[in-house]
Amino acid sequence: MGSYYLNKDTSHNPNGDNEVHVSTCCNMPSVLNRVYLGEFSNGIQAVQQAKAIGYYRADGCANCCPEAHRR
């Protein structure tokens, strides 16, 4: 299980996606730019949660959530 966060800032992402990160990711957004999603077994579940709360363009970080990253 890991703690997952969503990056509210989409300006760095050319697709305008909100990236989902596990708490240990080196690309974690600042405290001001993140939303706690919860504890999940994998990035796919975390991205599903992000979409369920209204972040429809959520996508997994390529580094820490490759299983949930759209290619």
N, C-alpha and C. Protein backbone atom coordinates (compact mmCIF):
# COMPACT_ATOMS: atom_id res chain seq x y z
N MET A 1 0.85 -1.18 0.00
CA MET A 1 0.00 0.00 0.00
C MET A 1 0.88 1.24 0.00
N GLY A 2 0.44 2.24 -0.71
CA GLY A 2 1.17 3.49 -0.76
C GLY A 2 0.22 4.66 -0.64
N SER A 3 0.76 5.79 -0.24
CA SER A 3 -0.01 7.04 -0.18
C SER A 3 0.11 7.73 -1.53
N TYR A 4 -1.01 8.10 -2.11
CA TYR A 4 -1.02 8.69 -3.45
C TYR A 4 -1.57 10.11 -3.41
N TYR A 5 -0.99 10.93 -4.28
CA TYR A 5 -1.34 12.34 -4.38
C TYR A 5 -1.54 12.74 -5.83
N LEU A 6 -2.40 13.72 -6.04
CA LEU A 6 -2.65 14.26 -7.35
C LEU A 6 -2.03 15.64 -7.45
N ASN A 7 -1.39 15.93 -8.56
CA ASN A 7 -0.83 17.24 -8.79
C ASN A 7 -1.91 18.13 -9.39
N LYS A 8 -2.29 19.20 -8.67
CA LYS A 8 -3.31 20.13 -9.16
C LYS A 8 -2.79 21.01 -10.29
N ASP A 9 -1.50 21.21 -10.36
CA ASP A 9 -0.88 22.09 -11.35
C ASP A 9 -0.66 21.32 -12.65
N THR A 10 -1.32 21.74 -13.71
CA THR A 10 -1.18 21.07 -14.99
C THR A 10 -0.29 21.84 -15.96
N SER A 11 0.27 22.96 -15.54
CA SER A 11 1.04 23.82 -16.45
C SER A 11 2.30 23.15 -16.98
N HIS A 12 2.84 22.20 -16.25
CA HIS A 12 4.06 21.51 -16.67
C HIS A 12 3.78 20.37 -17.65
N ASN A 13 2.53 20.00 -17.79
CA ASN A 13 2.15 18.85 -18.58
C ASN A 13 1.57 19.30 -19.92
N PRO A 14 2.18 18.96 -21.04
CA PRO A 14 1.68 19.42 -22.34
C PRO A 14 0.27 18.93 -22.68
N ASN A 15 -0.16 17.84 -22.06
CA ASN A 15 -1.51 17.31 -22.31
C ASN A 15 -2.55 17.91 -21.37
N GLY A 16 -2.11 18.66 -20.38
CA GLY A 16 -3.03 19.23 -19.40
C GLY A 16 -3.55 18.21 -18.41
N ASP A 17 -2.85 17.09 -18.26
CA ASP A 17 -3.27 16.04 -17.32
C ASP A 17 -2.83 16.39 -15.90
N ASN A 18 -3.60 15.90 -14.94
CA ASN A 18 -3.22 15.96 -13.53
C ASN A 18 -2.50 14.66 -13.22
N GLU A 19 -1.22 14.73 -12.92
CA GLU A 19 -0.45 13.52 -12.65
C GLU A 19 -0.69 13.02 -11.23
N VAL A 20 -0.74 11.71 -11.11
CA VAL A 20 -0.88 11.03 -9.82
C VAL A 20 0.48 10.47 -9.44
N HIS A 21 0.88 10.71 -8.19
CA HIS A 21 2.19 10.28 -7.70
C HIS A 21 2.05 9.50 -6.40
N VAL A 22 2.94 8.55 -6.18
CA VAL A 22 3.07 7.90 -4.88
C VAL A 22 3.96 8.81 -4.03
N SER A 23 3.78 8.78 -2.73
CA SER A 23 4.45 9.73 -1.84
C SER A 23 5.97 9.70 -1.90
N THR A 24 6.54 8.62 -2.38
CA THR A 24 8.00 8.50 -2.45
C THR A 24 8.59 8.97 -3.78
N CYS A 25 7.76 9.47 -4.68
CA CYS A 25 8.22 9.88 -6.00
C CYS A 25 9.10 11.12 -5.93
N CYS A 26 10.16 11.13 -6.74
CA CYS A 26 11.05 12.29 -6.79
C CYS A 26 10.39 13.48 -7.49
N ASN A 27 9.25 13.28 -8.13
CA ASN A 27 8.53 14.34 -8.83
C ASN A 27 7.28 14.80 -8.07
N MET A 28 7.24 14.55 -6.78
CA MET A 28 6.08 14.95 -5.98
C MET A 28 5.86 16.45 -6.10
N PRO A 29 4.61 16.88 -6.28
CA PRO A 29 4.32 18.31 -6.31
C PRO A 29 4.46 18.93 -4.93
N SER A 30 4.56 20.26 -4.90
CA SER A 30 4.66 20.96 -3.62
C SER A 30 3.38 20.75 -2.82
N VAL A 31 3.46 20.99 -1.55
CA VAL A 31 2.30 20.81 -0.66
C VAL A 31 1.12 21.64 -1.14
N LEU A 32 1.38 22.81 -1.68
CA LEU A 32 0.30 23.69 -2.14
C LEU A 32 -0.37 23.19 -3.42
N ASN A 33 0.30 22.33 -4.17
CA ASN A 33 -0.22 21.87 -5.46
C ASN A 33 -0.64 20.41 -5.47
N ARG A 34 -0.92 19.85 -4.32
CA ARG A 34 -1.31 18.44 -4.34
C ARG A 34 -2.57 18.18 -3.53
N VAL A 35 -3.23 17.09 -3.91
CA VAL A 35 -4.44 16.62 -3.25
C VAL A 35 -4.17 15.19 -2.82
N TYR A 36 -4.41 14.90 -1.55
CA TYR A 36 -4.24 13.53 -1.05
C TYR A 36 -5.39 12.68 -1.58
N LEU A 37 -5.06 11.57 -2.21
CA LEU A 37 -6.07 10.68 -2.77
C LEU A 37 -6.39 9.51 -1.85
N GLY A 38 -5.41 9.06 -1.08
CA GLY A 38 -5.64 7.94 -0.18
C GLY A 38 -4.54 6.90 -0.29
N GLU A 39 -4.79 5.76 0.35
CA GLU A 39 -3.88 4.62 0.36
C GLU A 39 -4.40 3.59 -0.64
N PHE A 40 -3.53 3.19 -1.55
CA PHE A 40 -3.92 2.23 -2.59
C PHE A 40 -2.82 1.22 -2.82
N SER A 41 -3.19 0.11 -3.42
CA SER A 41 -2.23 -0.94 -3.74
C SER A 41 -1.42 -0.63 -4.99
N ASN A 42 -1.98 0.24 -5.85
CA ASN A 42 -1.28 0.56 -7.10
C ASN A 42 -1.79 1.88 -7.67
N GLY A 43 -1.08 2.36 -8.68
CA GLY A 43 -1.42 3.62 -9.31
C GLY A 43 -2.73 3.61 -10.07
N ILE A 44 -3.11 2.46 -10.57
CA ILE A 44 -4.38 2.36 -11.30
C ILE A 44 -5.55 2.71 -10.39
N GLN A 45 -5.54 2.18 -9.18
CA GLN A 45 -6.59 2.48 -8.22
C GLN A 45 -6.58 3.96 -7.84
N ALA A 46 -5.40 4.53 -7.70
CA ALA A 46 -5.29 5.95 -7.33
C ALA A 46 -5.82 6.85 -8.45
N VAL A 47 -5.51 6.52 -9.70
CA VAL A 47 -6.03 7.30 -10.83
C VAL A 47 -7.55 7.18 -10.90
N GLN A 48 -8.08 6.01 -10.64
CA GLN A 48 -9.53 5.82 -10.62
C GLN A 48 -10.17 6.72 -9.56
N GLN A 49 -9.53 6.81 -8.39
CA GLN A 49 -10.04 7.67 -7.33
C GLN A 49 -10.00 9.14 -7.75
N ALA A 50 -8.91 9.55 -8.37
CA ALA A 50 -8.79 10.94 -8.84
C ALA A 50 -9.92 11.27 -9.81
N LYS A 51 -10.22 10.37 -10.72
CA LYS A 51 -11.30 10.60 -11.68
C LYS A 51 -12.65 10.62 -10.99
N ALA A 52 -12.81 9.80 -9.96
CA ALA A 52 -14.07 9.73 -9.22
C ALA A 52 -14.37 11.03 -8.48
N ILE A 53 -13.32 11.77 -8.12
CA ILE A 53 -13.55 13.04 -7.40
C ILE A 53 -13.48 14.25 -8.33
N GLY A 54 -13.49 13.99 -9.64
CA GLY A 54 -13.63 15.08 -10.60
C GLY A 54 -12.41 15.47 -11.41
N TYR A 55 -11.29 14.81 -11.21
CA TYR A 55 -10.09 15.09 -12.00
C TYR A 55 -10.07 14.11 -13.17
N TYR A 56 -10.91 14.41 -14.17
CA TYR A 56 -11.14 13.47 -15.27
C TYR A 56 -9.93 13.27 -16.17
N ARG A 57 -8.97 14.17 -16.11
CA ARG A 57 -7.77 14.03 -16.93
C ARG A 57 -6.60 13.51 -16.10
N ALA A 58 -6.88 12.81 -15.03
CA ALA A 58 -5.82 12.25 -14.19
C ALA A 58 -5.07 11.16 -14.96
N ASP A 59 -3.77 11.10 -14.70
CA ASP A 59 -2.89 10.13 -15.36
C ASP A 59 -1.77 9.77 -14.39
N GLY A 60 -1.33 8.56 -14.42
CA GLY A 60 -0.23 8.13 -13.56
C GLY A 60 1.10 8.71 -14.00
N CYS A 61 1.94 9.04 -13.04
CA CYS A 61 3.29 9.52 -13.31
C CYS A 61 4.08 8.40 -14.01
N ALA A 62 4.80 8.76 -15.06
CA ALA A 62 5.58 7.76 -15.80
C ALA A 62 6.67 7.13 -14.93
N ASN A 63 7.15 7.87 -13.91
CA ASN A 63 8.23 7.36 -13.06
C ASN A 63 7.73 6.46 -11.94
N CYS A 64 6.73 6.91 -11.21
CA CYS A 64 6.32 6.16 -10.02
C CYS A 64 5.04 5.34 -10.21
N CYS A 65 4.27 5.61 -11.25
CA CYS A 65 3.02 4.87 -11.51
C CYS A 65 2.95 4.44 -12.97
N PRO A 66 3.98 3.76 -13.47
CA PRO A 66 3.98 3.43 -14.90
C PRO A 66 2.80 2.54 -15.32
N GLU A 67 2.27 1.77 -14.37
CA GLU A 67 1.14 0.91 -14.70
C GLU A 67 -0.12 1.72 -15.01
N ALA A 68 -0.17 2.98 -14.55
CA ALA A 68 -1.33 3.84 -14.75
C ALA A 68 -1.05 4.99 -15.71
N HIS A 69 0.13 4.97 -16.32
CA HIS A 69 0.51 6.05 -17.24
C HIS A 69 0.04 5.71 -18.65
N ARG A 70 -0.77 6.63 -19.22
CA ARG A 70 -1.21 6.43 -20.61
C ARG A 70 -0.04 6.64 -21.55
N ARG A 71 0.09 5.81 -22.47
CA ARG A 71 1.19 5.91 -23.42
C ARG A 71 0.78 6.59 -24.69
